[in-house]
Protein backbone atom coordinates (compact mmCIF):
# COMPACT_ATOMS: atom_id res chain seq x y z
CA MET A 1 -28.08 3.39 25.12
CA SER A 2 -30.49 2.56 22.31
CA GLU A 3 -30.56 -0.94 20.94
CA LEU A 4 -29.50 -1.65 17.40
CA PRO A 5 -32.24 -3.00 15.16
CA VAL A 6 -31.96 -6.72 14.67
CA ARG A 7 -32.38 -7.84 11.10
CA LYS A 8 -32.79 -11.45 10.18
CA HIS A 9 -30.10 -12.35 7.68
CA SER A 10 -31.49 -13.59 4.45
CA LEU A 11 -30.33 -13.48 0.89
CA ASN A 12 -33.55 -11.59 0.19
CA ASN A 13 -32.04 -8.65 2.10
CA PHE A 14 -29.43 -8.27 -0.62
CA PRO A 15 -31.10 -7.66 -4.00
CA SER A 16 -27.79 -7.20 -5.81
CA CYS A 17 -26.48 -10.34 -4.11
CA ASN A 18 -29.52 -12.26 -5.36
CA LYS A 19 -28.84 -10.95 -8.86
CA ALA A 20 -25.26 -12.20 -8.66
CA PHE A 21 -26.49 -15.58 -7.43
CA SER A 22 -29.07 -15.84 -10.17
CA MET A 23 -26.38 -15.21 -12.76
CA THR A 24 -24.75 -18.42 -11.57
CA ASP A 25 -27.98 -20.38 -11.09
CA GLN A 26 -27.66 -23.80 -12.68
CA SER A 27 -31.36 -24.39 -13.12
CA SER A 28 -32.49 -25.31 -16.59
CA SER A 29 -34.95 -22.45 -16.94
CA SER A 30 -35.68 -21.05 -20.36
CA SER A 31 -34.47 -17.64 -19.20
CA ALA A 32 -30.87 -18.87 -18.98
CA SER A 33 -28.50 -16.84 -21.08
CA PRO A 34 -27.58 -18.43 -24.41
CA SER A 35 -23.88 -18.50 -23.51
CA THR A 36 -24.47 -20.61 -20.39
CA SER A 37 -26.18 -23.95 -20.47
CA PRO A 38 -27.22 -25.83 -17.32
CA ASP A 39 -24.42 -28.31 -18.01
CA ASP A 40 -21.72 -25.63 -17.93
CA ASP A 41 -19.62 -25.40 -14.81
CA VAL A 42 -20.19 -21.68 -14.31
CA PHE A 43 -18.26 -21.81 -11.06
CA THR A 44 -15.04 -22.77 -12.78
CA VAL A 45 -12.81 -19.75 -12.74
CA TRP A 46 -11.07 -20.61 -15.97
CA LYS A 47 -12.20 -21.69 -19.42
CA ASP A 48 -10.04 -23.71 -21.80
CA ASP A 49 -10.08 -21.02 -24.47
CA GLN A 50 -8.88 -18.20 -22.19
CA ALA A 51 -5.30 -17.06 -22.54
CA ASN A 52 -4.73 -17.22 -18.80
CA HIS A 53 -6.20 -20.72 -18.39
CA ALA A 54 -2.92 -22.48 -17.58
CA PHE A 55 -1.78 -19.77 -15.17
CA ILE A 56 -5.04 -19.71 -13.22
CA LYS A 57 -5.35 -23.48 -13.13
CA SER A 58 -1.81 -23.86 -11.82
CA HIS A 59 -2.32 -21.28 -9.06
CA LEU A 60 -5.68 -22.42 -7.69
CA PRO A 61 -5.51 -24.45 -4.49
CA VAL A 62 -5.80 -28.19 -5.05
CA TRP A 63 -8.81 -28.41 -2.71
CA TYR A 64 -10.70 -25.90 -4.91
CA SER A 65 -9.80 -27.58 -8.18
CA ALA A 66 -10.86 -30.96 -6.78
CA ALA A 67 -14.11 -29.67 -5.25
CA SER A 68 -17.45 -30.53 -6.78
CA LYS A 69 -19.58 -27.94 -8.57
CA GLU A 70 -21.91 -27.90 -5.58
CA LEU A 71 -19.09 -27.13 -3.12
CA ARG A 72 -17.70 -24.39 -5.36
CA ALA A 73 -21.23 -22.97 -5.68
CA ALA A 74 -21.63 -23.01 -1.88
CA LEU A 75 -18.26 -21.29 -1.45
CA ARG A 76 -19.19 -18.63 -4.01
CA LYS A 77 -22.53 -17.96 -2.33
CA SER A 78 -20.86 -17.77 1.07
CA GLN A 79 -18.23 -15.33 -0.20
CA LEU A 80 -20.85 -13.17 -1.95
CA PHE A 81 -23.03 -13.14 1.16
CA SER A 82 -20.01 -12.07 3.24
CA LEU A 83 -19.16 -9.31 0.75
CA PHE A 84 -22.69 -7.93 0.64
CA SER A 85 -23.02 -8.18 4.45
CA ARG A 86 -19.84 -6.13 4.91
CA ARG A 87 -21.09 -3.55 2.42
CA GLU A 88 -24.41 -3.27 4.22
CA LEU A 89 -22.75 -2.91 7.63
CA LYS A 90 -20.15 -0.36 6.49
CA PRO A 91 -22.33 2.70 7.33
CA LEU A 92 -22.91 1.30 10.82
CA HIS A 93 -19.19 0.66 11.36
CA GLN A 94 -18.43 4.25 10.34
CA LYS A 95 -20.74 5.49 13.11
CA LEU A 96 -19.01 3.43 15.80
CA MET A 97 -16.44 5.11 18.00
CA SER A 98 -12.96 3.70 18.32
CA VAL A 99 -12.18 1.83 21.53
CA THR A 100 -9.93 4.69 22.67
CA ALA A 101 -12.53 7.40 21.95
CA PHE A 102 -15.12 5.37 23.85
CA ALA A 103 -12.99 4.35 26.84
CA GLU A 104 -10.90 7.49 27.56
CA PRO A 105 -13.73 9.65 28.93
CA LEU A 106 -15.03 6.75 31.02
CA LEU A 107 -11.58 6.06 32.45
CA GLU A 108 -10.99 9.74 33.22
CA LYS A 109 -14.33 9.98 35.07
CA ALA A 110 -13.67 6.75 36.97
CA LEU A 111 -10.19 7.91 38.05
CA ILE A 112 -11.57 11.24 39.25
CA LYS A 113 -14.52 9.67 41.06
CA THR A 114 -12.60 6.80 42.66
CA PHE A 115 -9.18 8.34 43.39
CA ASP A 116 -9.73 12.07 42.84
CA LEU A 117 -6.95 11.88 40.21
CA ARG A 118 -6.72 13.96 37.07
CA LEU A 119 -4.18 12.33 34.76
CA ASP A 120 -3.09 12.92 31.20
CA LEU A 121 -3.94 9.49 29.90
CA HIS A 122 -1.63 9.89 26.90
CA LYS A 123 1.46 10.65 29.00
CA THR A 124 0.82 8.27 31.89
CA ILE A 125 2.77 5.01 31.78
CA TRP A 126 0.48 2.14 32.74
């Protein structure tokens, strides 16, 4: 069986993830968009002037609403990293066999070799 390539996980491995992070970067660089200043809490899900402000605010968990900007930023980065990791691994997951497809032939061979039994694995009650 060939070994899977090991890839060190880094945010640099996810260019689109880095782009999403940079959109929420709170540095005071001159390249910041005019609609977002470094003092804005860009990790707040709601804004006072949005029509759904009261609804969103009332449905967010208390721990999130009470969290600091830094904790919300860390949560956002963690969730984005998880999302992009799953997307990157999806092609690999599609190549993997199901447990049943993997194990059935091995079990059939082992039963034949060990007990000289040929069973219909789908009809046998275990």
